[in-house]
Amino acid sequence: MLTHRPRPTLVREGGITFTFVTGGIHSALDQAKAVPGDRNVDIAGGAETVRQYLREGLVDELQLHVVPALLGAGLRPLRGAECRTEGPGVRWVVETPLATHLNYRFVR
């Protein structure tokens, strides 16, 4: 997990391990890629985390879960995404009573 505050590794029931990384997005991604081998790496985070990875051209696919709630002005996670892509394209949308789920594919 990308964070500003150092924390010890957390091992959860079932063998899920959370490693807290303070060295920035590249360090976090390199560490994540080293674990699964040839499997996909998922990045979870807020709008600013998404923006950082998008600006660096490190995202191939984005699943965005939109939940209607009043949280102030909010942040635009896709702002600036066009700087490293030809533009996101929506692949699919699933609407539920509690949220709307969108899947974007980024074309390089």
C-alpha atoms as a PDB file:
ATOM      1  CA  MET A   1       0.000   0.000   0.000  1.00  0.00           C
ATOM      2  CA  LEU A   2       1.274   3.422  -0.935  1.00  0.00           C
ATOM      3  CA  THR A   3       1.408   5.673   2.116  1.00  0.00           C
ATOM      4  CA  HIS A   4       3.193   8.654   3.624  1.00  0.00           C
ATOM      5  CA  ARG A   5       3.437   7.023   7.078  1.00  0.00           C
ATOM      6  CA  PRO A   6       5.718   4.014   7.619  1.00  0.00           C
ATOM      7  CA  ARG A   7       3.952   0.994   9.093  1.00  0.00           C
ATOM      8  CA  PRO A   8       4.935  -2.625   9.661  1.00  0.00           C
ATOM      9  CA  THR A   9       3.739  -5.270   7.198  1.00  0.00           C
ATOM     10  CA  LEU A  10       0.246  -6.515   8.044  1.00  0.00           C
ATOM     11  CA  VAL A  11      -0.650 -10.180   7.531  1.00  0.00           C
ATOM     12  CA  ARG A  12      -4.375 -10.900   7.492  1.00  0.00           C
ATOM     13  CA  GLU A  13      -6.284 -14.112   7.940  1.00  0.00           C
ATOM     14  CA  GLY A  14      -6.052 -16.283   4.838  1.00  0.00           C
ATOM     15  CA  GLY A  15      -2.485 -15.211   4.069  1.00  0.00           C
ATOM     16  CA  ILE A  16      -3.230 -11.797   2.564  1.00  0.00           C
ATOM     17  CA  THR A  17      -0.242  -9.536   3.193  1.00  0.00           C
ATOM     18  CA  PHE A  18      -0.253  -5.738   3.056  1.00  0.00           C
ATOM     19  CA  THR A  19       3.138  -4.073   2.613  1.00  0.00           C
ATOM     20  CA  PHE A  20       3.170  -0.332   3.257  1.00  0.00           C
ATOM     21  CA  VAL A  21       5.449   1.548   0.851  1.00  0.00           C
ATOM     22  CA  THR A  22       6.642   5.115   1.443  1.00  0.00           C
ATOM     23  CA  GLY A  23       9.044   5.373  -1.517  1.00  0.00           C
ATOM     24  CA  GLY A  24       6.527   6.594  -4.106  1.00  0.00           C
ATOM     25  CA  ILE A  25       4.515   5.060  -6.922  1.00  0.00           C
ATOM     26  CA  HIS A  26       7.427   3.501  -8.823  1.00  0.00           C
ATOM     27  CA  SER A  27       8.756   1.762  -5.719  1.00  0.00           C
ATOM     28  CA  ALA A  28       5.274   0.483  -4.850  1.00  0.00           C
ATOM     29  CA  LEU A  29       4.720  -0.813  -8.387  1.00  0.00           C
ATOM     30  CA  ASP A  30       8.141  -2.487  -8.570  1.00  0.00           C
ATOM     31  CA  GLN A  31       7.522  -4.258  -5.263  1.00  0.00           C
ATOM     32  CA  ALA A  32       4.038  -5.349  -6.358  1.00  0.00           C
ATOM     33  CA  LYS A  33       5.322  -6.703  -9.688  1.00  0.00           C
ATOM     34  CA  ALA A  34       8.010  -8.729  -7.897  1.00  0.00           C
ATOM     35  CA  VAL A  35       5.415 -10.663  -5.889  1.00  0.00           C
ATOM     36  CA  PRO A  36       2.957 -12.136  -8.412  1.00  0.00           C
ATOM     37  CA  GLY A  37       5.461 -12.998 -11.161  1.00  0.00           C
ATOM     38  CA  ASP A  38       3.507 -12.948 -14.438  1.00  0.00           C
ATOM     39  CA  ARG A  39       0.138 -12.129 -12.850  1.00  0.00           C
ATOM     40  CA  ASN A  40      -1.601  -8.748 -13.034  1.00  0.00           C
ATOM     41  CA  VAL A  41      -0.952  -6.041 -10.475  1.00  0.00           C
ATOM     42  CA  ASP A  42      -3.953  -4.183  -9.046  1.00  0.00           C
ATOM     43  CA  ILE A  43      -3.543  -0.661  -7.719  1.00  0.00           C
ATOM     44  CA  ALA A  44      -6.155   0.516  -5.244  1.00  0.00           C
ATOM     45  CA  GLY A  45      -6.338   4.072  -4.060  1.00  0.00           C
ATOM     46  CA  GLY A  46      -7.960   7.420  -4.197  1.00  0.00           C
ATOM     47  CA  ALA A  47      -8.091   9.960  -6.975  1.00  0.00           C
ATOM     48  CA  GLU A  48      -4.580  11.340  -6.376  1.00  0.00           C
ATOM     49  CA  THR A  49      -3.017   7.873  -6.459  1.00  0.00           C
ATOM     50  CA  VAL A  50      -4.838   7.096  -9.717  1.00  0.00           C
ATOM     51  CA  ARG A  51      -3.707  10.414 -11.208  1.00  0.00           C
ATOM     52  CA  GLN A  52      -0.060   9.754 -10.371  1.00  0.00           C
ATOM     53  CA  TYR A  53      -0.070   6.347 -12.079  1.00  0.00           C
ATOM     54  CA  LEU A  54      -2.016   7.694 -15.073  1.00  0.00           C
ATOM     55  CA  ARG A  55       0.402  10.624 -15.547  1.00  0.00           C
ATOM     56  CA  GLU A  56       3.292   8.159 -15.719  1.00  0.00           C
ATOM     57  CA  GLY A  57       1.475   5.971 -18.260  1.00  0.00           C
ATOM     58  CA  LEU A  58       1.470   2.988 -15.894  1.00  0.00           C
ATOM     59  CA  VAL A  59      -2.231   2.083 -16.134  1.00  0.00           C
ATOM     60  CA  ASP A  60      -3.622  -0.241 -18.804  1.00  0.00           C
ATOM     61  CA  GLU A  61      -7.090  -0.674 -17.343  1.00  0.00           C
ATOM     62  CA  LEU A  62      -9.100   1.189 -14.708  1.00  0.00           C
ATOM     63  CA  GLN A  63     -12.168   0.007 -12.839  1.00  0.00           C
ATOM     64  CA  LEU A  64     -13.954   2.959 -11.293  1.00  0.00           C
ATOM     65  CA  HIS A  65     -16.708   2.393  -8.732  1.00  0.00           C
ATOM     66  CA  VAL A  66     -18.948   5.444  -8.363  1.00  0.00           C
ATOM     67  CA  VAL A  67     -21.029   5.608  -5.201  1.00  0.00           C
ATOM     68  CA  PRO A  68     -23.369   8.575  -4.811  1.00  0.00           C
ATOM     69  CA  ALA A  69     -22.352  10.359  -1.604  1.00  0.00           C
ATOM     70  CA  LEU A  70     -21.773  13.956  -0.655  1.00  0.00           C
ATOM     71  CA  LEU A  71     -18.063  14.334   0.083  1.00  0.00           C
ATOM     72  CA  GLY A  72     -17.478  17.981  -0.702  1.00  0.00           C
ATOM     73  CA  ALA A  73     -16.091  19.144  -4.041  1.00  0.00           C
ATOM     74  CA  GLY A  74     -14.413  15.809  -4.797  1.00  0.00           C
ATOM     75  CA  LEU A  75     -11.453  15.082  -7.040  1.00  0.00           C
ATOM     76  CA  ARG A  76     -11.380  14.223 -10.740  1.00  0.00           C
ATOM     77  CA  PRO A  77      -9.312  11.009 -11.003  1.00  0.00           C
ATOM     78  CA  LEU A  78      -9.069  11.097 -14.816  1.00  0.00           C
ATOM     79  CA  ARG A  79      -7.906  14.721 -15.052  1.00  0.00           C
ATOM     80  CA  GLY A  80      -4.577  14.697 -16.867  1.00  0.00           C
ATOM     81  CA  ALA A  81      -4.950  11.128 -18.137  1.00  0.00           C
ATOM     82  CA  GLU A  82      -4.811  12.303 -21.729  1.00  0.00           C
ATOM     83  CA  CYS A  83      -1.176  13.362 -21.343  1.00  0.00           C
ATOM     84  CA  ARG A  84       0.079   9.775 -21.800  1.00  0.00           C
ATOM     85  CA  THR A  85      -2.777   8.091 -23.623  1.00  0.00           C
ATOM     86  CA  GLU A  86      -4.934   8.617 -26.665  1.00  0.00           C
ATOM     87  CA  GLY A  87      -7.809   8.880 -24.229  1.00  0.00           C
ATOM     88  CA  PRO A  88      -9.698   6.442 -22.057  1.00  0.00           C
ATOM     89  CA  GLY A  89     -12.413   4.355 -23.627  1.00  0.00           C
ATOM     90  CA  VAL A  90     -15.246   2.882 -21.589  1.00  0.00           C
ATOM     91  CA  ARG A  91     -15.333  -0.895 -22.074  1.00  0.00           C
ATOM     92  CA  TRP A  92     -18.326  -1.682 -19.888  1.00  0.00           C
ATOM     93  CA  VAL A  93     -20.719  -0.192 -17.322  1.00  0.00           C
ATOM     94  CA  VAL A  94     -22.689  -2.049 -14.650  1.00  0.00           C
ATOM     95  CA  GLU A  95     -25.374  -0.151 -12.772  1.00  0.00           C
ATOM     96  CA  THR A  96     -26.590  -1.311  -9.358  1.00  0.00           C
ATOM     97  CA  PRO A  97     -28.835   0.381  -6.798  1.00  0.00           C
ATOM     98  CA  LEU A  98     -25.808   1.358  -4.677  1.00  0.00           C
ATOM     99  CA  ALA A  99     -23.098   2.141  -7.249  1.00  0.00           C
ATOM    100  CA  THR A 100     -22.148   2.374 -10.903  1.00  0.00           C
ATOM    101  CA  HIS A 101     -19.109   0.349 -11.992  1.00  0.00           C
ATOM    102  CA  LEU A 102     -17.124   1.519 -15.032  1.00  0.00           C
ATOM    103  CA  ASN A 103     -14.210  -0.165 -16.787  1.00  0.00           C
ATOM    104  CA  TYR A 104     -11.829   1.950 -18.876  1.00  0.00           C
ATOM    105  CA  ARG A 105      -9.116   0.711 -21.234  1.00  0.00           C
ATOM    106  CA  PHE A 106      -6.255   3.056 -22.015  1.00  0.00           C
ATOM    107  CA  VAL A 107      -4.835   3.009 -25.528  1.00  0.00           C
ATOM    108  CA  ARG A 108      -1.193   3.983 -25.864  1.00  0.00           C
END
